Full PDB file with SEQRES, HELIX, SHEET, SSBOND, CRYST1, ORIGX, SCALE, CONECT and MASTER records, all heavy atoms in Angstrom:
SEQRES   1 A   28  GLN ASP GLN ASP PHE ASP LEU GLU SER GLU ILE PHE ILE          
SEQRES   2 A   28  ASP GLU LYS PRO ASP TYR TYR ALA PHE SER ASN GLU THR          
SEQRES   3 A   28  LYS LYS                                                      
HELIX    1 AA1 ILE A   13  GLU A   15  5                                   3    
CRYST1    1.000    1.000    1.000  90.00  90.00  90.00 P 1           1          
ORIGX1      1.000000  0.000000  0.000000        0.00000                         
ORIGX2      0.000000  1.000000  0.000000        0.00000                         
ORIGX3      0.000000  0.000000  1.000000        0.00000                         
SCALE1      1.000000  0.000000  0.000000        0.00000                         
SCALE2      0.000000  1.000000  0.000000        0.00000                         
SCALE3      0.000000  0.000000  1.000000        0.00000                         
ATOM      1  N   GLN A   1      84.718  40.273-136.843  1.00  0.00           N  
ATOM      2  CA  GLN A   1      85.085  40.306-138.255  1.00  0.00           C  
ATOM      3  C   GLN A   1      86.139  41.358-138.598  1.00  0.00           C  
ATOM      4  O   GLN A   1      86.853  41.204-139.584  1.00  0.00           O  
ATOM      5  CB  GLN A   1      83.829  40.524-139.111  1.00  0.00           C  
ATOM      6  CG  GLN A   1      82.859  39.368-139.043  1.00  0.00           C  
ATOM      7  CD  GLN A   1      83.413  38.109-139.679  1.00  0.00           C  
ATOM      8  OE1 GLN A   1      83.823  38.117-140.830  1.00  0.00           O  
ATOM      9  NE2 GLN A   1      83.440  37.025-138.922  1.00  0.00           N  
ATOM     10  N   ASP A   2      86.251  42.405-137.801  1.00  0.00           N  
ATOM     11  CA  ASP A   2      87.195  43.485-138.105  1.00  0.00           C  
ATOM     12  C   ASP A   2      88.466  43.425-137.265  1.00  0.00           C  
ATOM     13  O   ASP A   2      89.287  44.334-137.327  1.00  0.00           O  
ATOM     14  CB  ASP A   2      86.519  44.850-137.907  1.00  0.00           C  
ATOM     15  CG  ASP A   2      85.341  45.032-138.858  1.00  0.00           C  
ATOM     16  OD1 ASP A   2      85.413  44.539-140.001  1.00  0.00           O  
ATOM     17  OD2 ASP A   2      84.339  45.651-138.454  1.00  0.00           O  
ATOM     18  N   GLN A   3      88.632  42.382-136.491  1.00  0.00           N  
ATOM     19  CA  GLN A   3      89.788  42.276-135.599  1.00  0.00           C  
ATOM     20  C   GLN A   3      90.891  41.460-136.271  1.00  0.00           C  
ATOM     21  O   GLN A   3      90.616  40.418-136.857  1.00  0.00           O  
ATOM     22  CB  GLN A   3      89.362  41.603-134.286  1.00  0.00           C  
ATOM     23  CG  GLN A   3      90.382  41.646-133.189  1.00  0.00           C  
ATOM     24  CD  GLN A   3      90.489  43.010-132.536  1.00  0.00           C  
ATOM     25  OE1 GLN A   3      89.637  43.875-132.720  1.00  0.00           O  
ATOM     26  NE2 GLN A   3      91.541  43.210-131.778  1.00  0.00           N  
ATOM     27  N   ASP A   4      92.115  41.944-136.191  1.00  0.00           N  
ATOM     28  CA  ASP A   4      93.259  41.191-136.701  1.00  0.00           C  
ATOM     29  C   ASP A   4      93.779  40.281-135.592  1.00  0.00           C  
ATOM     30  O   ASP A   4      94.082  40.746-134.493  1.00  0.00           O  
ATOM     31  CB  ASP A   4      94.374  42.127-137.156  1.00  0.00           C  
ATOM     32  CG  ASP A   4      94.039  42.840-138.454  1.00  0.00           C  
ATOM     33  OD1 ASP A   4      93.342  42.241-139.288  1.00  0.00           O  
ATOM     34  OD2 ASP A   4      94.480  43.986-138.637  1.00  0.00           O  
ATOM     35  N   PHE A   5      93.876  39.002-135.871  1.00  0.00           N  
ATOM     36  CA  PHE A   5      94.375  38.036-134.906  1.00  0.00           C  
ATOM     37  C   PHE A   5      95.598  37.333-135.471  1.00  0.00           C  
ATOM     38  O   PHE A   5      95.760  37.224-136.684  1.00  0.00           O  
ATOM     39  CB  PHE A   5      93.318  36.960-134.605  1.00  0.00           C  
ATOM     40  CG  PHE A   5      92.110  37.450-133.864  1.00  0.00           C  
ATOM     41  CD1 PHE A   5      90.860  37.417-134.449  1.00  0.00           C  
ATOM     42  CD2 PHE A   5      92.217  37.921-132.563  1.00  0.00           C  
ATOM     43  CE1 PHE A   5      89.734  37.837-133.766  1.00  0.00           C  
ATOM     44  CE2 PHE A   5      91.091  38.357-131.869  1.00  0.00           C  
ATOM     45  CZ  PHE A   5      89.856  38.314-132.467  1.00  0.00           C  
ATOM     46  N   ASP A   6      96.428  36.845-134.574  1.00  0.00           N  
ATOM     47  CA  ASP A   6      97.555  35.984-134.923  1.00  0.00           C  
ATOM     48  C   ASP A   6      97.269  34.602-134.351  1.00  0.00           C  
ATOM     49  O   ASP A   6      96.957  34.483-133.160  1.00  0.00           O  
ATOM     50  CB  ASP A   6      98.863  36.509-134.323  1.00  0.00           C  
ATOM     51  CG  ASP A   6      99.283  37.835-134.933  1.00  0.00           C  
ATOM     52  OD1 ASP A   6      99.243  37.957-136.166  1.00  0.00           O  
ATOM     53  OD2 ASP A   6      99.658  38.738-134.163  1.00  0.00           O  
ATOM     54  N   LEU A   7      97.378  33.572-135.175  1.00  0.00           N  
ATOM     55  CA  LEU A   7      97.190  32.199-134.707  1.00  0.00           C  
ATOM     56  C   LEU A   7      98.429  31.799-133.928  1.00  0.00           C  
ATOM     57  O   LEU A   7      99.520  31.696-134.487  1.00  0.00           O  
ATOM     58  CB  LEU A   7      96.946  31.250-135.878  1.00  0.00           C  
ATOM     59  CG  LEU A   7      96.690  29.792-135.523  1.00  0.00           C  
ATOM     60  CD1 LEU A   7      95.526  29.644-134.561  1.00  0.00           C  
ATOM     61  CD2 LEU A   7      96.453  28.986-136.777  1.00  0.00           C  
ATOM     62  N   GLU A   8      98.267  31.607-132.614  1.00  0.00           N  
ATOM     63  CA  GLU A   8      99.400  31.377-131.720  1.00  0.00           C  
ATOM     64  C   GLU A   8      99.516  29.951-131.201  1.00  0.00           C  
ATOM     65  O   GLU A   8     100.619  29.484-130.948  1.00  0.00           O  
ATOM     66  CB  GLU A   8      99.314  32.334-130.518  1.00  0.00           C  
ATOM     67  CG  GLU A   8      99.473  33.790-130.886  1.00  0.00           C  
ATOM     68  CD  GLU A   8     100.876  34.130-131.351  1.00  0.00           C  
ATOM     69  OE1 GLU A   8     101.838  33.539-130.851  1.00  0.00           O  
ATOM     70  OE2 GLU A   8     100.999  34.990-132.245  1.00  0.00           O  
ATOM     71  N   SER A   9      98.376  29.270-130.990  1.00  0.00           N  
ATOM     72  CA  SER A   9      98.455  27.985-130.305  1.00  0.00           C  
ATOM     73  C   SER A   9      97.387  27.019-130.795  1.00  0.00           C  
ATOM     74  O   SER A   9      96.376  27.425-131.373  1.00  0.00           O  
ATOM     75  CB  SER A   9      98.313  28.186-128.798  1.00  0.00           C  
ATOM     76  OG  SER A   9      97.038  28.727-128.505  1.00  0.00           O  
ATOM     77  N   GLU A  10      97.638  25.732-130.520  1.00  0.00           N  
ATOM     78  CA  GLU A  10      96.685  24.669-130.806  1.00  0.00           C  
ATOM     79  C   GLU A  10      96.710  23.717-129.616  1.00  0.00           C  
ATOM     80  O   GLU A  10      97.779  23.292-129.183  1.00  0.00           O  
ATOM     81  CB  GLU A  10      97.054  23.914-132.073  1.00  0.00           C  
ATOM     82  CG  GLU A  10      97.039  24.790-133.312  1.00  0.00           C  
ATOM     83  CD  GLU A  10      97.428  24.028-134.563  1.00  0.00           C  
ATOM     84  OE1 GLU A  10      96.715  23.058-134.908  1.00  0.00           O  
ATOM     85  OE2 GLU A  10      98.435  24.403-135.184  1.00  0.00           O  
ATOM     86  N   ILE A  11      95.517  23.421-129.085  1.00  0.00           N  
ATOM     87  CA  ILE A  11      95.439  22.499-127.959  1.00  0.00           C  
ATOM     88  C   ILE A  11      94.639  21.259-128.350  1.00  0.00           C  
ATOM     89  O   ILE A  11      93.882  21.280-129.312  1.00  0.00           O  
ATOM     90  CB  ILE A  11      94.860  23.163-126.689  1.00  0.00           C  
ATOM     91  CG1 ILE A  11      93.437  23.660-126.904  1.00  0.00           C  
ATOM     92  CG2 ILE A  11      95.781  24.294-126.216  1.00  0.00           C  
ATOM     93  CD1 ILE A  11      92.752  24.156-125.622  1.00  0.00           C  
ATOM     94  N   PHE A  12      94.837  20.201-127.578  1.00  0.00           N  
ATOM     95  CA  PHE A  12      94.273  18.887-127.868  1.00  0.00           C  
ATOM     96  C   PHE A  12      94.712  18.427-129.257  1.00  0.00           C  
ATOM     97  O   PHE A  12      93.952  17.848-130.016  1.00  0.00           O  
ATOM     98  CB  PHE A  12      92.749  18.871-127.716  1.00  0.00           C  
ATOM     99  CG  PHE A  12      92.306  18.985-126.287  1.00  0.00           C  
ATOM    100  CD1 PHE A  12      92.109  20.225-125.696  1.00  0.00           C  
ATOM    101  CD2 PHE A  12      92.124  17.849-125.515  1.00  0.00           C  
ATOM    102  CE1 PHE A  12      91.725  20.338-124.368  1.00  0.00           C  
ATOM    103  CE2 PHE A  12      91.739  17.950-124.187  1.00  0.00           C  
ATOM    104  CZ  PHE A  12      91.543  19.189-123.603  1.00  0.00           C  
ATOM    105  N   ILE A  13      95.988  18.696-129.551  1.00  0.00           N  
ATOM    106  CA  ILE A  13      96.534  18.351-130.862  1.00  0.00           C  
ATOM    107  C   ILE A  13      96.475  16.838-131.084  1.00  0.00           C  
ATOM    108  O   ILE A  13      96.385  16.380-132.234  1.00  0.00           O  
ATOM    109  CB  ILE A  13      97.965  18.912-131.022  1.00  0.00           C  
ATOM    110  CG1 ILE A  13      98.401  18.906-132.475  1.00  0.00           C  
ATOM    111  CG2 ILE A  13      98.960  18.206-130.127  1.00  0.00           C  
ATOM    112  CD1 ILE A  13      97.673  19.883-133.361  1.00  0.00           C  
ATOM    113  N   ASP A  14      96.476  16.075-129.988  1.00  0.00           N  
ATOM    114  CA  ASP A  14      96.382  14.619-130.089  1.00  0.00           C  
ATOM    115  C   ASP A  14      94.995  14.137-130.497  1.00  0.00           C  
ATOM    116  O   ASP A  14      94.822  12.978-130.853  1.00  0.00           O  
ATOM    117  CB  ASP A  14      96.818  13.965-128.775  1.00  0.00           C  
ATOM    118  CG  ASP A  14      96.100  14.512-127.551  1.00  0.00           C  
ATOM    119  OD1 ASP A  14      95.856  15.742-127.481  1.00  0.00           O  
ATOM    120  OD2 ASP A  14      95.784  13.717-126.643  1.00  0.00           O  
ATOM    121  N   GLU A  15      94.001  15.013-130.470  1.00  0.00           N  
ATOM    122  CA  GLU A  15      92.643  14.648-130.900  1.00  0.00           C  
ATOM    123  C   GLU A  15      92.313  15.188-132.293  1.00  0.00           C  
ATOM    124  O   GLU A  15      91.231  14.934-132.819  1.00  0.00           O  
ATOM    125  CB  GLU A  15      91.612  15.153-129.885  1.00  0.00           C  
ATOM    126  CG  GLU A  15      91.730  14.464-128.537  1.00  0.00           C  
ATOM    127  CD  GLU A  15      90.660  14.883-127.547  1.00  0.00           C  
ATOM    128  OE1 GLU A  15      89.557  15.303-127.973  1.00  0.00           O  
ATOM    129  OE2 GLU A  15      90.924  14.796-126.328  1.00  0.00           O  
ATOM    130  N   LYS A  16      93.242  15.929-132.897  1.00  0.00           N  
ATOM    131  CA  LYS A  16      93.006  16.499-134.228  1.00  0.00           C  
ATOM    132  C   LYS A  16      92.933  15.382-135.263  1.00  0.00           C  
ATOM    133  O   LYS A  16      93.811  14.537-135.329  1.00  0.00           O  
ATOM    134  CB  LYS A  16      94.133  17.464-134.598  1.00  0.00           C  
ATOM    135  CG  LYS A  16      93.898  18.182-135.922  1.00  0.00           C  
ATOM    136  CD  LYS A  16      95.118  18.960-136.359  1.00  0.00           C  
ATOM    137  CE  LYS A  16      96.122  18.129-137.078  1.00  0.00           C  
ATOM    138  NZ  LYS A  16      95.646  17.353-138.224  1.00  0.00           N  
ATOM    139  N   PRO A  17      91.876  15.370-136.081  1.00  0.00           N  
ATOM    140  CA  PRO A  17      91.805  14.357-137.129  1.00  0.00           C  
ATOM    141  C   PRO A  17      92.807  14.654-138.245  1.00  0.00           C  
ATOM    142  O   PRO A  17      93.286  15.784-138.387  1.00  0.00           O  
ATOM    143  CB  PRO A  17      90.360  14.475-137.639  1.00  0.00           C  
ATOM    144  CG  PRO A  17      89.936  15.856-137.294  1.00  0.00           C  
ATOM    145  CD  PRO A  17      90.695  16.245-136.063  1.00  0.00           C  
ATOM    146  N   ASP A  18      93.107  13.655-139.028  1.00  0.00           N  
ATOM    147  CA  ASP A  18      94.106  13.801-140.100  1.00  0.00           C  
ATOM    148  C   ASP A  18      93.595  14.580-141.310  1.00  0.00           C  
ATOM    149  O   ASP A  18      94.385  14.984-142.146  1.00  0.00           O  
ATOM    150  CB  ASP A  18      94.574  12.417-140.568  1.00  0.00           C  
ATOM    151  CG  ASP A  18      95.385  11.705-139.511  1.00  0.00           C  
ATOM    152  OD1 ASP A  18      95.993  12.378-138.648  1.00  0.00           O  
ATOM    153  OD2 ASP A  18      95.405  10.456-139.542  1.00  0.00           O  
ATOM    154  N   TYR A  19      92.287  14.814-141.420  1.00  0.00           N  
ATOM    155  CA  TYR A  19      91.755  15.412-142.650  1.00  0.00           C  
ATOM    156  C   TYR A  19      91.942  16.917-142.764  1.00  0.00           C  
ATOM    157  O   TYR A  19      91.563  17.514-143.768  1.00  0.00           O  
ATOM    158  CB  TYR A  19      90.293  15.026-142.882  1.00  0.00           C  
ATOM    159  CG  TYR A  19      89.307  15.476-141.817  1.00  0.00           C  
ATOM    160  CD1 TYR A  19      88.782  16.759-141.804  1.00  0.00           C  
ATOM    161  CD2 TYR A  19      88.874  14.582-140.848  1.00  0.00           C  
ATOM    162  CE1 TYR A  19      87.866  17.157-140.841  1.00  0.00           C  
ATOM    163  CE2 TYR A  19      87.951  14.958-139.890  1.00  0.00           C  
ATOM    164  CZ  TYR A  19      87.453  16.249-139.893  1.00  0.00           C  
ATOM    165  OH  TYR A  19      86.546  16.625-138.941  1.00  0.00           O  
ATOM    166  N   TYR A  20      92.533  17.572-141.772  1.00  0.00           N  
ATOM    167  CA  TYR A  20      92.890  18.985-141.926  1.00  0.00           C  
ATOM    168  C   TYR A  20      94.203  19.264-141.215  1.00  0.00           C  
ATOM    169  O   TYR A  20      94.612  18.526-140.323  1.00  0.00           O  
ATOM    170  CB  TYR A  20      91.778  19.934-141.445  1.00  0.00           C  
ATOM    171  CG  TYR A  20      91.506  19.938-139.950  1.00  0.00           C  
ATOM    172  CD1 TYR A  20      92.327  20.644-139.074  1.00  0.00           C  
ATOM    173  CD2 TYR A  20      90.404  19.283-139.418  1.00  0.00           C  
ATOM    174  CE1 TYR A  20      92.072  20.664-137.710  1.00  0.00           C  
ATOM    175  CE2 TYR A  20      90.140  19.298-138.060  1.00  0.00           C  
ATOM    176  CZ  TYR A  20      90.989  19.993-137.215  1.00  0.00           C  
ATOM    177  OH  TYR A  20      90.732  20.016-135.862  1.00  0.00           O  
ATOM    178  N   ALA A  21      94.868  20.336-141.663  1.00  0.00           N  
ATOM    179  CA  ALA A  21      96.127  20.755-141.052  1.00  0.00           C  
ATOM    180  C   ALA A  21      96.319  22.241-141.331  1.00  0.00           C  
ATOM    181  O   ALA A  21      95.857  22.750-142.353  1.00  0.00           O  
ATOM    182  CB  ALA A  21      97.294  19.964-141.624  1.00  0.00           C  
ATOM    183  N   PHE A  22      96.974  22.930-140.406  1.00  0.00           N  
ATOM    184  CA  PHE A  22      97.283  24.348-140.565  1.00  0.00           C  
ATOM    185  C   PHE A  22      98.789  24.496-140.734  1.00  0.00           C  
ATOM    186  O   PHE A  22      99.566  23.802-140.070  1.00  0.00           O  
ATOM    187  CB  PHE A  22      96.801  25.146-139.344  1.00  0.00           C  
ATOM    188  CG  PHE A  22      95.304  25.168-139.227  1.00  0.00           C  
ATOM    189  CD1 PHE A  22      94.627  24.166-138.550  1.00  0.00           C  
ATOM    190  CD2 PHE A  22      94.559  26.181-139.825  1.00  0.00           C  
ATOM    191  CE1 PHE A  22      93.248  24.160-138.450  1.00  0.00           C  
ATOM    192  CE2 PHE A  22      93.182  26.181-139.736  1.00  0.00           C  
ATOM    193  CZ  PHE A  22      92.527  25.172-139.048  1.00  0.00           C  
ATOM    194  N   SER A  23      99.199  25.399-141.599  1.00  0.00           N  
ATOM    195  CA  SER A  23     100.630  25.566-141.859  1.00  0.00           C  
ATOM    196  C   SER A  23     101.288  26.567-140.915  1.00  0.00           C  
ATOM    197  O   SER A  23     102.511  26.669-140.898  1.00  0.00           O  
ATOM    198  CB  SER A  23     100.852  26.004-143.318  1.00  0.00           C  
ATOM    199  OG  SER A  23     100.249  27.265-143.551  1.00  0.00           O  
ATOM    200  N   ASN A  24     100.512  27.289-140.119  1.00  0.00           N  
ATOM    201  CA  ASN A  24     101.065  28.264-139.181  1.00  0.00           C  
ATOM    202  C   ASN A  24     101.976  27.583-138.160  1.00  0.00           C  
ATOM    203  O   ASN A  24     101.689  26.478-137.710  1.00  0.00           O  
ATOM    204  CB  ASN A  24      99.948  28.982-138.411  1.00  0.00           C  
ATOM    205  CG  ASN A  24      98.906  29.574-139.310  1.00  0.00           C  
ATOM    206  OD1 ASN A  24      98.257  28.858-140.050  1.00  0.00           O  
ATOM    207  ND2 ASN A  24      98.719  30.862-139.232  1.00  0.00           N  
ATOM    208  N   GLU A  25     103.039  28.252-137.785  1.00  0.00           N  
ATOM    209  CA  GLU A  25     103.887  27.783-136.692  1.00  0.00           C  
ATOM    210  C   GLU A  25     103.200  28.175-135.392  1.00  0.00           C  
ATOM    211  O   GLU A  25     103.008  29.361-135.120  1.00  0.00           O  
ATOM    212  CB  GLU A  25     105.271  28.436-136.778  1.00  0.00           C  
ATOM    213  CG  GLU A  25     106.093  27.981-137.955  1.00  0.00           C  
ATOM    214  CD  GLU A  25     106.484  26.516-137.867  1.00  0.00           C  
ATOM    215  OE1 GLU A  25     106.767  26.023-136.743  1.00  0.00           O  
ATOM    216  OE2 GLU A  25     106.494  25.848-138.915  1.00  0.00           O  
ATOM    217  N   THR A  26     102.783  27.175-134.606  1.00  0.00           N  
ATOM    218  CA  THR A  26     102.045  27.423-133.375  1.00  0.00           C  
ATOM    219  C   THR A  26     102.622  26.590-132.238  1.00  0.00           C  
ATOM    220  O   THR A  26     103.280  25.572-132.470  1.00  0.00           O  
ATOM    221  CB  THR A  26     100.557  27.050-133.528  1.00  0.00           C  
ATOM    222  OG1 THR A  26     100.462  25.658-133.829  1.00  0.00           O  
ATOM    223  CG2 THR A  26      99.873  27.870-134.607  1.00  0.00           C  
ATOM    224  N   LYS A  27     102.340  27.025-131.020  1.00  0.00           N  
ATOM    225  CA  LYS A  27     102.630  26.207-129.844  1.00  0.00           C  
ATOM    226  C   LYS A  27     101.549  25.141-129.797  1.00  0.00           C  
ATOM    227  O   LYS A  27     100.363  25.455-129.908  1.00  0.00           O  
ATOM    228  CB  LYS A  27     102.589  27.065-128.582  1.00  0.00           C  
ATOM    229  CG  LYS A  27     102.858  26.285-127.317  1.00  0.00           C  
ATOM    230  CD  LYS A  27     102.810  27.182-126.091  1.00  0.00           C  
ATOM    231  CE  LYS A  27     103.034  26.349-124.841  1.00  0.00           C  
ATOM    232  NZ  LYS A  27     102.903  27.149-123.626  1.00  0.00           N  
ATOM    233  N   LYS A  28     101.947  23.870-129.633  1.00  0.00           N  
ATOM    234  CA  LYS A  28     100.989  22.765-129.652  1.00  0.00           C  
ATOM    235  C   LYS A  28     101.045  22.004-128.331  1.00  0.00           C  
ATOM    236  O   LYS A  28     102.120  21.685-127.843  1.00  0.00           O  
ATOM    237  CB  LYS A  28     101.290  21.827-130.824  1.00  0.00           C  
ATOM    238  CG  LYS A  28     101.046  22.473-132.179  1.00  0.00           C  
ATOM    239  CD  LYS A  28     101.472  21.559-133.311  1.00  0.00           C  
ATOM    240  CE  LYS A  28     101.136  22.088-134.666  1.00  0.00           C  
ATOM    241  NZ  LYS A  28     101.708  23.350-135.014  1.00  0.00           N  
TER     242      LYS A  28                                                      
MASTER        0    0    0    1    0    0    0    6  241    1    0    3          
END                                                                             
């Protein structure tokens, strides 16, 4: 809870359902 993280990547992007999306620029 106290750690700062940067969202860097997304894997299995081909299995992601359409009902959510992230606006971060990530490696996919």
